[in-house]
Amino acid sequence: MIHSLFPRSARALLRFPWLIFLSIVVLCLVSAGYTSRHLGINNNTAQLLDQDLPFQQVRLKLEQAFPQDAATIIAVLASPTPEQTALAADFVQRRLQAETEVFESVYSLENDPFFRRQGFLYLDLDQLEMLSAKLADAQPFIGYLSQHYHLAGLTDILTLALENQAADSAMPLDNLLGAIDQTVVAANQGQSHFLSWQQLLTGVDSEQNRTRRLLIIKPQLDFKQLMPAGQSMAYLRRLTEDLTMLYPGVTVELTGEVALEHEEMETVNHDMLVSGLTSFVLVCISLWLGLRAW
């Protein structure tokens, strides 16, 4: 009966089941190796469309002209005072520059040598004149503190000013004494409060005092992975947690082309997982109801 059901070739194969099994395993391994070497994914969204299209050519020219600004993450740091923001930005920049395997480059416009030398050129004439006048009024105060940059120097110049012995100082003391009083009261209450000398001496608004800084971060992207910026974004989120512990009051927001695409992929993956689990549960329920009805 068996001889009539199976052809001769099939009967020959059944005589060596382990050999057939091992052959199938070897073929599976060879096919898996070939697939891993020759098949893959490319998650570079910039290459989804034809590179000869006009807007693609414009994009390529922009990337060639400004390679440091292509495919970047922008970290926006903000705090109540410019000094605290500057310290936090320097901390983040040093940490990222040390991680060369994760980040290609990182820079801040405020630390650029050109903007540090020529930054006043970007102010309106009225703003420049107002800033110059306030710095001129505060020059004796700044000059003394530059030579006596300690608590005793601060108390000495305040004493001289209150006793009218620093008649050449045109800087009003009301704002200074009020700011120092607020800082001392907050410290006695165990609160975190920073006195900003930039805001105090110049008196300009918070935007011109640079309470917000931008870090332009270029990550190392692996387009063969499902999440090309996964390693970079994970590191930045851990660094953000460390930063908020070291510098209370500093907030960090991540934006830019790479960060937005990464969050979009996270949303898609989450939705796919939820829909897949929901479909699986519904299929199981349908099968169970079908078996009960049968």
C-alpha atoms as a PDB file:
ATOM      1  CA  MET A   1       0.000   0.000   0.000  1.00  0.00           C
ATOM      2  CA  ILE A   2       2.805   2.366   0.937  1.00  0.00           C
ATOM      3  CA  HIS A   3       4.726   1.477  -2.224  1.00  0.00           C
ATOM      4  CA  SER A   4       1.708   2.440  -4.269  1.00  0.00           C
ATOM      5  CA  LEU A   5       1.258   5.820  -2.573  1.00  0.00           C
ATOM      6  CA  PHE A   6       4.785   7.170  -2.888  1.00  0.00           C
ATOM      7  CA  PRO A   7       6.847   7.240  -6.051  1.00  0.00           C
ATOM      8  CA  ARG A   8      10.247   5.634  -6.083  1.00  0.00           C
ATOM      9  CA  SER A   9      12.098   8.944  -5.599  1.00  0.00           C
ATOM     10  CA  ALA A  10      10.077   9.740  -2.511  1.00  0.00           C
ATOM     11  CA  ARG A  11      10.791   6.334  -1.028  1.00  0.00           C
ATOM     12  CA  ALA A  12      14.505   6.889  -1.634  1.00  0.00           C
ATOM     13  CA  LEU A  13      14.398  10.224   0.219  1.00  0.00           C
ATOM     14  CA  LEU A  14      12.564   8.715   3.173  1.00  0.00           C
ATOM     15  CA  ARG A  15      15.401   6.220   3.643  1.00  0.00           C
ATOM     16  CA  PHE A  16      17.726   9.075   4.764  1.00  0.00           C
ATOM     17  CA  PRO A  17      15.612  11.426   6.939  1.00  0.00           C
ATOM     18  CA  TRP A  18      18.522  12.914   8.918  1.00  0.00           C
ATOM     19  CA  LEU A  19      20.491  13.629   5.778  1.00  0.00           C
ATOM     20  CA  ILE A  20      17.493  15.442   4.337  1.00  0.00           C
ATOM     21  CA  PHE A  21      17.032  17.385   7.567  1.00  0.00           C
ATOM     22  CA  LEU A  22      20.688  18.452   7.653  1.00  0.00           C
ATOM     23  CA  SER A  23      20.535  19.469   4.002  1.00  0.00           C
ATOM     24  CA  ILE A  24      17.523  21.677   4.695  1.00  0.00           C
ATOM     25  CA  VAL A  25      19.321  23.284   7.659  1.00  0.00           C
ATOM     26  CA  VAL A  26      22.406  23.965   5.521  1.00  0.00           C
ATOM     27  CA  LEU A  27      20.276  25.495   2.768  1.00  0.00           C
ATOM     28  CA  CYS A  28      18.502  27.710   5.308  1.00  0.00           C
ATOM     29  CA  LEU A  29      21.828  28.940   6.696  1.00  0.00           C
ATOM     30  CA  VAL A  30      23.194  29.637   3.224  1.00  0.00           C
ATOM     31  CA  SER A  31      20.073  31.531   2.227  1.00  0.00           C
ATOM     32  CA  ALA A  32      20.144  33.515   5.493  1.00  0.00           C
ATOM     33  CA  GLY A  33      23.794  34.453   4.901  1.00  0.00           C
ATOM     34  CA  TYR A  34      23.064  35.509   1.325  1.00  0.00           C
ATOM     35  CA  THR A  35      20.087  37.575   2.480  1.00  0.00           C
ATOM     36  CA  SER A  36      22.107  39.353   5.166  1.00  0.00           C
ATOM     37  CA  ARG A  37      24.858  40.259   2.673  1.00  0.00           C
ATOM     38  CA  HIS A  38      22.771  41.230  -0.340  1.00  0.00           C
ATOM     39  CA  LEU A  39      19.417  42.389   1.041  1.00  0.00           C
ATOM     40  CA  GLY A  40      18.809  45.271   3.446  1.00  0.00           C
ATOM     41  CA  ILE A  41      16.948  48.493   4.083  1.00  0.00           C
ATOM     42  CA  ASN A  42      17.733  52.130   3.407  1.00  0.00           C
ATOM     43  CA  ASN A  43      15.869  54.513   5.696  1.00  0.00           C
ATOM     44  CA  ASN A  44      17.321  57.662   4.139  1.00  0.00           C
ATOM     45  CA  THR A  45      14.146  59.593   3.318  1.00  0.00           C
ATOM     46  CA  ALA A  46      16.125  62.030   1.151  1.00  0.00           C
ATOM     47  CA  GLN A  47      16.747  59.209  -1.347  1.00  0.00           C
ATOM     48  CA  LEU A  48      13.165  58.037  -1.674  1.00  0.00           C
ATOM     49  CA  LEU A  49      12.599  60.246  -4.726  1.00  0.00           C
ATOM     50  CA  ASP A  50      14.621  60.685  -7.904  1.00  0.00           C
ATOM     51  CA  GLN A  51      17.794  62.664  -7.262  1.00  0.00           C
ATOM     52  CA  ASP A  52      17.412  64.428 -10.636  1.00  0.00           C
ATOM     53  CA  LEU A  53      14.257  66.268  -9.575  1.00  0.00           C
ATOM     54  CA  PRO A  54      14.720  70.071  -9.338  1.00  0.00           C
ATOM     55  CA  PHE A  55      14.048  70.352  -5.600  1.00  0.00           C
ATOM     56  CA  GLN A  56      16.417  67.425  -4.959  1.00  0.00           C
ATOM     57  CA  GLN A  57      19.155  69.252  -6.853  1.00  0.00           C
ATOM     58  CA  VAL A  58      18.537  72.373  -4.765  1.00  0.00           C
ATOM     59  CA  ARG A  59      18.714  70.307  -1.576  1.00  0.00           C
ATOM     60  CA  LEU A  60      22.009  68.725  -2.654  1.00  0.00           C
ATOM     61  CA  LYS A  61      23.510  72.150  -3.396  1.00  0.00           C
ATOM     62  CA  LEU A  62      22.459  73.417   0.040  1.00  0.00           C
ATOM     63  CA  GLU A  63      23.979  70.382   1.750  1.00  0.00           C
ATOM     64  CA  GLN A  64      27.218  70.830  -0.179  1.00  0.00           C
ATOM     65  CA  ALA A  65      27.361  74.528   0.733  1.00  0.00           C
ATOM     66  CA  PHE A  66      26.435  73.989   4.408  1.00  0.00           C
ATOM     67  CA  PRO A  67      27.334  70.365   5.257  1.00  0.00           C
ATOM     68  CA  GLN A  68      27.380  71.087   9.000  1.00  0.00           C
ATOM     69  CA  ASP A  69      23.671  72.024   8.893  1.00  0.00           C
ATOM     70  CA  ALA A  70      22.435  69.007   6.898  1.00  0.00           C
ATOM     71  CA  ALA A  71      20.583  66.214   8.735  1.00  0.00           C
ATOM     72  CA  THR A  72      20.997  67.783  12.174  1.00  0.00           C
ATOM     73  CA  ILE A  73      19.381  67.756  15.599  1.00  0.00           C
ATOM     74  CA  ILE A  74      18.796  71.148  17.202  1.00  0.00           C
ATOM     75  CA  ALA A  75      18.971  71.230  20.995  1.00  0.00           C
ATOM     76  CA  VAL A  76      17.236  74.290  22.476  1.00  0.00           C
ATOM     77  CA  LEU A  77      18.522  75.108  25.974  1.00  0.00           C
ATOM     78  CA  ALA A  78      16.776  77.714  28.100  1.00  0.00           C
ATOM     79  CA  SER A  79      16.968  78.947  31.690  1.00  0.00           C
ATOM     80  CA  PRO A  80      16.068  82.080  33.671  1.00  0.00           C
ATOM     81  CA  THR A  81      19.575  83.607  33.278  1.00  0.00           C
ATOM     82  CA  PRO A  82      22.080  83.843  30.410  1.00  0.00           C
ATOM     83  CA  GLU A  83      24.945  82.646  32.598  1.00  0.00           C
ATOM     84  CA  GLN A  84      23.183  79.433  33.571  1.00  0.00           C
ATOM     85  CA  THR A  85      22.237  78.785  29.943  1.00  0.00           C
ATOM     86  CA  ALA A  86      25.842  79.324  28.832  1.00  0.00           C
ATOM     87  CA  LEU A  87      27.181  76.897  31.458  1.00  0.00           C
ATOM     88  CA  ALA A  88      24.652  74.239  30.471  1.00  0.00           C
ATOM     89  CA  ALA A  89      25.359  74.700  26.750  1.00  0.00           C
ATOM     90  CA  ASP A  90      29.117  74.381  27.310  1.00  0.00           C
ATOM     91  CA  PHE A  91      28.556  71.220  29.368  1.00  0.00           C
ATOM     92  CA  VAL A  92      26.425  69.617  26.644  1.00  0.00           C
ATOM     93  CA  GLN A  93      28.842  70.642  23.894  1.00  0.00           C
ATOM     94  CA  ARG A  94      31.842  69.121  25.683  1.00  0.00           C
ATOM     95  CA  ARG A  95      29.999  65.876  26.325  1.00  0.00           C
ATOM     96  CA  LEU A  96      28.864  65.526  22.709  1.00  0.00           C
ATOM     97  CA  GLN A  97      32.259  66.403  21.244  1.00  0.00           C
ATOM     98  CA  ALA A  98      33.756  63.548  23.249  1.00  0.00           C
ATOM     99  CA  GLU A  99      31.303  61.014  21.733  1.00  0.00           C
ATOM    100  CA  THR A 100      32.790  60.876  18.228  1.00  0.00           C
ATOM    101  CA  GLU A 101      31.249  57.474  17.497  1.00  0.00           C
ATOM    102  CA  VAL A 102      27.750  58.826  18.088  1.00  0.00           C
ATOM    103  CA  PHE A 103      28.000  62.450  16.910  1.00  0.00           C
ATOM    104  CA  GLU A 104      29.853  63.838  13.929  1.00  0.00           C
ATOM    105  CA  SER A 105      29.927  67.472  15.060  1.00  0.00           C
ATOM    106  CA  VAL A 106      28.281  69.980  17.409  1.00  0.00           C
ATOM    107  CA  TYR A 107      28.559  73.755  17.484  1.00  0.00           C
ATOM    108  CA  SER A 108      26.852  76.848  18.862  1.00  0.00           C
ATOM    109  CA  LEU A 109      26.590  80.186  17.085  1.00  0.00           C
ATOM    110  CA  GLU A 110      27.341  82.026  20.341  1.00  0.00           C
ATOM    111  CA  ASN A 111      30.755  80.319  20.525  1.00  0.00           C
ATOM    112  CA  ASP A 112      31.603  80.891  16.880  1.00  0.00           C
ATOM    113  CA  PRO A 113      34.711  83.148  16.637  1.00  0.00           C
ATOM    114  CA  PHE A 114      33.108  85.344  13.961  1.00  0.00           C
ATOM    115  CA  PHE A 115      29.944  86.050  15.971  1.00  0.00           C
ATOM    116  CA  ARG A 116      31.945  86.634  19.143  1.00  0.00           C
ATOM    117  CA  ARG A 117      33.905  89.364  17.334  1.00  0.00           C
ATOM    118  CA  GLN A 118      31.182  90.810  15.124  1.00  0.00           C
ATOM    119  CA  GLY A 119      28.013  90.114  17.104  1.00  0.00           C
ATOM    120  CA  PHE A 120      27.251  93.805  17.722  1.00  0.00           C
ATOM    121  CA  LEU A 121      26.849  94.309  13.967  1.00  0.00           C
ATOM    122  CA  TYR A 122      23.573  92.380  14.113  1.00  0.00           C
ATOM    123  CA  LEU A 123      21.965  94.821  16.577  1.00  0.00           C
ATOM    124  CA  ASP A 124      19.785  97.703  15.459  1.00  0.00           C
ATOM    125  CA  LEU A 125      21.342 101.129  15.879  1.00  0.00           C
ATOM    126  CA  ASP A 126      18.968 102.050  18.716  1.00  0.00           C
ATOM    127  CA  GLN A 127      19.701  98.801  20.549  1.00  0.00           C
ATOM    128  CA  LEU A 128      23.448  99.282  20.096  1.00  0.00           C
ATOM    129  CA  GLU A 129      23.335 102.840  21.431  1.00  0.00           C
ATOM    130  CA  MET A 130      21.254 101.792  24.459  1.00  0.00           C
ATOM    131  CA  LEU A 131      23.600  98.892  25.228  1.00  0.00           C
ATOM    132  CA  SER A 132      26.678 101.109  24.849  1.00  0.00           C
ATOM    133  CA  ALA A 133      25.232 103.705  27.232  1.00  0.00           C
ATOM    134  CA  LYS A 134      24.400 101.119  29.895  1.00  0.00           C
ATOM    135  CA  LEU A 135      27.830  99.488  29.638  1.00  0.00           C
ATOM    136  CA  ALA A 136      29.470 102.909  29.912  1.00  0.00           C
ATOM    137  CA  ASP A 137      27.463 103.652  33.066  1.00  0.00           C
ATOM    138  CA  ALA A 138      28.446 100.309  34.568  1.00  0.00           C
ATOM    139  CA  GLN A 139      32.109 100.542  33.509  1.00  0.00           C
ATOM    140  CA  PRO A 140      33.493 101.610  36.931  1.00  0.00           C
ATOM    141  CA  PHE A 141      31.571  98.803  38.580  1.00  0.00           C
ATOM    142  CA  ILE A 142      32.729  96.253  36.001  1.00  0.00           C
ATOM    143  CA  GLY A 143      36.299  97.503  36.069  1.00  0.00           C
ATOM    144  CA  TYR A 144      36.567  97.198  39.849  1.00  0.00           C
ATOM    145  CA  LEU A 145      35.019  93.728  39.947  1.00  0.00           C
ATOM    146  CA  SER A 146      37.313  92.528  37.151  1.00  0.00           C
ATOM    147  CA  GLN A 147      40.238  93.196  39.491  1.00  0.00           C
ATOM    148  CA  HIS A 148      38.466  92.035  42.676  1.00  0.00           C
ATOM    149  CA  TYR A 149      36.218  89.210  41.507  1.00  0.00           C
ATOM    150  CA  HIS A 150      35.263  87.849  44.924  1.00  0.00           C
ATOM    151  CA  LEU A 151      32.661  88.537  47.607  1.00  0.00           C
ATOM    152  CA  ALA A 152      34.895  91.029  49.419  1.00  0.00           C
ATOM    153  CA  GLY A 153      35.300  93.052  46.222  1.00  0.00           C
ATOM    154  CA  LEU A 154      31.538  93.178  45.736  1.00  0.00           C
ATOM    155  CA  THR A 155      30.909  94.351  49.295  1.00  0.00           C
ATOM    156  CA  ASP A 156      33.700  96.940  49.015  1.00  0.00           C
ATOM    157  CA  ILE A 157      32.303  98.606  45.906  1.00  0.00           C
ATOM    158  CA  LEU A 158      28.782  98.524  47.343  1.00  0.00           C
ATOM    159  CA  THR A 159      30.065 100.189  50.507  1.00  0.00           C
ATOM    160  CA  LEU A 160      31.870 102.855  48.509  1.00  0.00           C
ATOM    161  CA  ALA A 161      28.794 103.511  46.397  1.00  0.00           C
ATOM    162  CA  LEU A 162      26.495 103.750  49.422  1.00  0.00           C
ATOM    163  CA  GLU A 163      28.887 106.163  51.130  1.00  0.00           C
ATOM    164  CA  ASN A 164      28.987 108.311  47.957  1.00  0.00           C
ATOM    165  CA  GLN A 165      32.724 107.739  47.646  1.00  0.00           C
ATOM    166  CA  ALA A 166      32.311 106.333  44.127  1.00  0.00           C
ATOM    167  CA  ALA A 167      30.903 109.509  42.660  1.00  0.00           C
ATOM    168  CA  ASP A 168      32.092 108.615  39.171  1.00  0.00           C
ATOM    169  CA  SER A 169      29.815 105.588  39.068  1.00  0.00           C
ATOM    170  CA  ALA A 170      26.597 106.411  37.252  1.00  0.00           C
ATOM    171  CA  MET A 171      25.129 102.981  37.744  1.00  0.00           C
ATOM    172  CA  PRO A 172      21.951 103.034  39.889  1.00  0.00           C
ATOM    173  CA  LEU A 173      22.132 100.750  42.891  1.00  0.00           C
ATOM    174  CA  ASP A 174      18.421 100.100  43.400  1.00  0.00           C
ATOM    175  CA  ASN A 175      18.261  97.211  40.919  1.00  0.00           C
ATOM    176  CA  LEU A 176      21.557  95.771  42.125  1.00  0.00           C
ATOM    177  CA  LEU A 177      20.622  95.814  45.801  1.00  0.00           C
ATOM    178  CA  GLY A 178      17.169  94.438  45.023  1.00  0.00           C
ATOM    179  CA  ALA A 179      18.613  91.555  42.995  1.00  0.00           C
ATOM    180  CA  ILE A 180      21.139  90.704  45.712  1.00  0.00           C
ATOM    181  CA  ASP A 181      18.377  90.812  48.321  1.00  0.00           C
ATOM    182  CA  GLN A 182      16.220  88.401  46.274  1.00  0.00           C
ATOM    183  CA  THR A 183      19.154  86.010  45.882  1.00  0.00           C
ATOM    184  CA  VAL A 184      19.994  86.025  49.602  1.00  0.00           C
ATOM    185  CA  VAL A 185      16.357  85.512  50.612  1.00  0.00           C
ATOM    186  CA  ALA A 186      15.959  82.604  48.160  1.00  0.00           C
ATOM    187  CA  ALA A 187      19.181  81.007  49.434  1.00  0.00           C
ATOM    188  CA  ASN A 188      17.996  81.264  53.053  1.00  0.00           C
ATOM    189  CA  GLN A 189      14.752  79.534  52.030  1.00  0.00           C
ATOM    190  CA  GLY A 190      16.665  76.729  50.323  1.00  0.00           C
ATOM    191  CA  GLN A 191      15.492  77.746  46.846  1.00  0.00           C
ATOM    192  CA  SER A 192      17.539  77.793  43.659  1.00  0.00           C
ATOM    193  CA  HIS A 193      17.911  81.386  42.487  1.00  0.00           C
ATOM    194  CA  PHE A 194      20.601  82.847  40.224  1.00  0.00           C
ATOM    195  CA  LEU A 195      21.600  86.476  39.950  1.00  0.00           C
ATOM    196  CA  SER A 196      22.349  87.420  36.352  1.00  0.00           C
ATOM    197  CA  TRP A 197      25.068  90.030  36.026  1.00  0.00           C
ATOM    198  CA  GLN A 198      24.351  90.400  32.306  1.00  0.00           C
ATOM    199  CA  GLN A 199      20.719  91.254  32.892  1.00  0.00           C
ATOM    200  CA  LEU A 200      21.599  93.451  35.829  1.00  0.00           C
ATOM    201  CA  LEU A 201      24.312  95.503  34.135  1.00  0.00           C
ATOM    202  CA  THR A 202      22.785  95.841  30.677  1.00  0.00           C
ATOM    203  CA  GLY A 203      19.109  95.898  31.618  1.00  0.00           C
ATOM    204  CA  VAL A 204      18.003  94.550  28.239  1.00  0.00           C
ATOM    205  CA  ASP A 205      15.309  91.947  27.765  1.00  0.00           C
ATOM    206  CA  SER A 206      15.806  88.227  28.189  1.00  0.00           C
ATOM    207  CA  GLU A 207      16.044  87.471  24.476  1.00  0.00           C
ATOM    208  CA  GLN A 208      18.967  89.836  23.962  1.00  0.00           C
ATOM    209  CA  ASN A 209      20.537  88.434  27.118  1.00  0.00           C
ATOM    210  CA  ARG A 210      20.607  85.018  25.440  1.00  0.00           C
ATOM    211  CA  THR A 211      18.642  83.036  28.003  1.00  0.00           C
ATOM    212  CA  ARG A 212      18.082  80.585  25.147  1.00  0.00           C
ATOM    213  CA  ARG A 213      20.846  78.866  23.176  1.00  0.00           C
ATOM    214  CA  LEU A 214      20.809  76.572  20.176  1.00  0.00           C
ATOM    215  CA  LEU A 215      23.218  73.684  19.691  1.00  0.00           C
ATOM    216  CA  ILE A 216      23.478  72.363  16.127  1.00  0.00           C
ATOM    217  CA  ILE A 217      24.199  68.637  16.464  1.00  0.00           C
ATOM    218  CA  LYS A 218      25.105  66.399  13.535  1.00  0.00           C
ATOM    219  CA  PRO A 219      24.619  62.733  14.557  1.00  0.00           C
ATOM    220  CA  GLN A 220      26.115  59.622  13.044  1.00  0.00           C
ATOM    221  CA  LEU A 221      23.178  58.091  11.148  1.00  0.00           C
ATOM    222  CA  ASP A 222      22.937  54.396  10.289  1.00  0.00           C
ATOM    223  CA  PHE A 223      20.366  54.112   7.492  1.00  0.00           C
ATOM    224  CA  LYS A 224      20.610  50.314   7.563  1.00  0.00           C
ATOM    225  CA  GLN A 225      18.779  50.313  10.885  1.00  0.00           C
ATOM    226  CA  LEU A 226      15.069  50.773  11.378  1.00  0.00           C
ATOM    227  CA  MET A 227      15.811  53.850  13.534  1.00  0.00           C
ATOM    228  CA  PRO A 228      18.826  55.598  11.934  1.00  0.00           C
ATOM    229  CA  ALA A 229      19.172  58.114  14.790  1.00  0.00           C
ATOM    230  CA  GLY A 230      18.190  55.751  17.579  1.00  0.00           C
ATOM    231  CA  GLN A 231      21.585  55.715  19.299  1.00  0.00           C
ATOM    232  CA  SER A 232      22.010  59.494  19.074  1.00  0.00           C
ATOM    233  CA  MET A 233      18.522  60.294  20.357  1.00  0.00           C
ATOM    234  CA  ALA A 234      18.858  57.831  23.241  1.00  0.00           C
ATOM    235  CA  TYR A 235      22.158  59.440  24.281  1.00  0.00           C
ATOM    236  CA  LEU A 236      20.698  62.956  24.095  1.00  0.00           C
ATOM    237  CA  ARG A 237      17.720  61.978  26.231  1.00  0.00           C
ATOM    238  CA  ARG A 238      20.001  60.480  28.893  1.00  0.00           C
ATOM    239  CA  LEU A 239      22.193  63.577  28.750  1.00  0.00           C
ATOM    240  CA  THR A 240      19.119  65.777  29.211  1.00  0.00           C
ATOM    241  CA  GLU A 241      18.276  63.958  32.440  1.00  0.00           C
ATOM    242  CA  ASP A 242      21.847  64.423  33.714  1.00  0.00           C
ATOM    243  CA  LEU A 243      21.784  68.099  32.740  1.00  0.00           C
ATOM    244  CA  THR A 244      18.591  68.880  34.647  1.00  0.00           C
ATOM    245  CA  MET A 245      20.135  67.319  37.742  1.00  0.00           C
ATOM    246  CA  LEU A 246      23.336  69.377  37.481  1.00  0.00           C
ATOM    247  CA  TYR A 247      21.686  72.641  36.412  1.00  0.00           C
ATOM    248  CA  PRO A 248      18.231  73.057  38.004  1.00  0.00           C
ATOM    249  CA  GLY A 249      16.005  75.366  36.015  1.00  0.00           C
ATOM    250  CA  VAL A 250      17.528  74.492  32.643  1.00  0.00           C
ATOM    251  CA  THR A 251      15.160  73.011  30.067  1.00  0.00           C
ATOM    252  CA  VAL A 252      16.211  71.148  26.917  1.00  0.00           C
ATOM    253  CA  GLU A 253      14.054  70.599  23.837  1.00  0.00           C
ATOM    254  CA  LEU A 254      15.111  68.552  20.804  1.00  0.00           C
ATOM    255  CA  THR A 255      13.936  69.520  17.350  1.00  0.00           C
ATOM    256  CA  GLY A 256      15.243  69.609  13.803  1.00  0.00           C
ATOM    257  CA  GLU A 257      14.912  67.334  10.799  1.00  0.00           C
ATOM    258  CA  VAL A 258      16.457  64.226  12.354  1.00  0.00           C
ATOM    259  CA  ALA A 259      14.648  64.525  15.698  1.00  0.00           C
ATOM    260  CA  LEU A 260      11.242  64.993  14.043  1.00  0.00           C
ATOM    261  CA  GLU A 261      11.760  62.030  11.712  1.00  0.00           C
ATOM    262  CA  HIS A 262      12.860  59.884  14.654  1.00  0.00           C
ATOM    263  CA  GLU A 263       9.752  60.746  16.662  1.00  0.00           C
ATOM    264  CA  GLU A 264       7.589  60.025  13.623  1.00  0.00           C
ATOM    265  CA  MET A 265       9.178  56.567  13.321  1.00  0.00           C
ATOM    266  CA  GLU A 266       8.608  55.961  17.036  1.00  0.00           C
ATOM    267  CA  THR A 267       4.940  56.853  16.593  1.00  0.00           C
ATOM    268  CA  VAL A 268       4.610  54.549  13.563  1.00  0.00           C
ATOM    269  CA  ASN A 269       6.284  51.650  15.382  1.00  0.00           C
ATOM    270  CA  HIS A 270       4.055  52.133  18.409  1.00  0.00           C
ATOM    271  CA  ASP A 271       0.911  52.238  16.261  1.00  0.00           C
ATOM    272  CA  MET A 272       2.029  49.132  14.333  1.00  0.00           C
ATOM    273  CA  LEU A 273       2.589  47.250  17.584  1.00  0.00           C
ATOM    274  CA  VAL A 274      -0.794  48.242  18.967  1.00  0.00           C
ATOM    275  CA  SER A 275      -2.610  47.378  15.722  1.00  0.00           C
ATOM    276  CA  GLY A 276      -0.769  44.057  15.430  1.00  0.00           C
ATOM    277  CA  LEU A 277      -1.631  43.009  18.971  1.00  0.00           C
ATOM    278  CA  THR A 278      -5.224  44.117  18.489  1.00  0.00           C
ATOM    279  CA  SER A 279      -5.519  42.108  15.260  1.00  0.00           C
ATOM    280  CA  PHE A 280      -4.007  39.037  16.918  1.00  0.00           C
ATOM    281  CA  VAL A 281      -6.462  39.240  19.811  1.00  0.00           C
ATOM    282  CA  LEU A 282      -9.414  39.676  17.457  1.00  0.00           C
ATOM    283  CA  VAL A 283      -8.321  36.689  15.328  1.00  0.00           C
ATOM    284  CA  CYS A 284      -7.968  34.532  18.444  1.00  0.00           C
ATOM    285  CA  ILE A 285     -11.423  35.559  19.622  1.00  0.00           C
ATOM    286  CA  SER A 286     -12.903  34.801  16.182  1.00  0.00           C
ATOM    287  CA  LEU A 287     -11.294  31.358  16.108  1.00  0.00           C
ATOM    288  CA  TRP A 288     -12.465  30.604  19.627  1.00  0.00           C
ATOM    289  CA  LEU A 289     -16.022  31.633  18.797  1.00  0.00           C
ATOM    290  CA  GLY A 290     -15.878  29.583  15.603  1.00  0.00           C
ATOM    291  CA  LEU A 291     -14.721  26.490  17.455  1.00  0.00           C
ATOM    292  CA  ARG A 292     -17.469  26.882  20.042  1.00  0.00           C
ATOM    293  CA  ALA A 293     -20.072  27.225  17.292  1.00  0.00           C
ATOM    294  CA  TRP A 294     -18.692  24.142  15.485  1.00  0.00           C
END
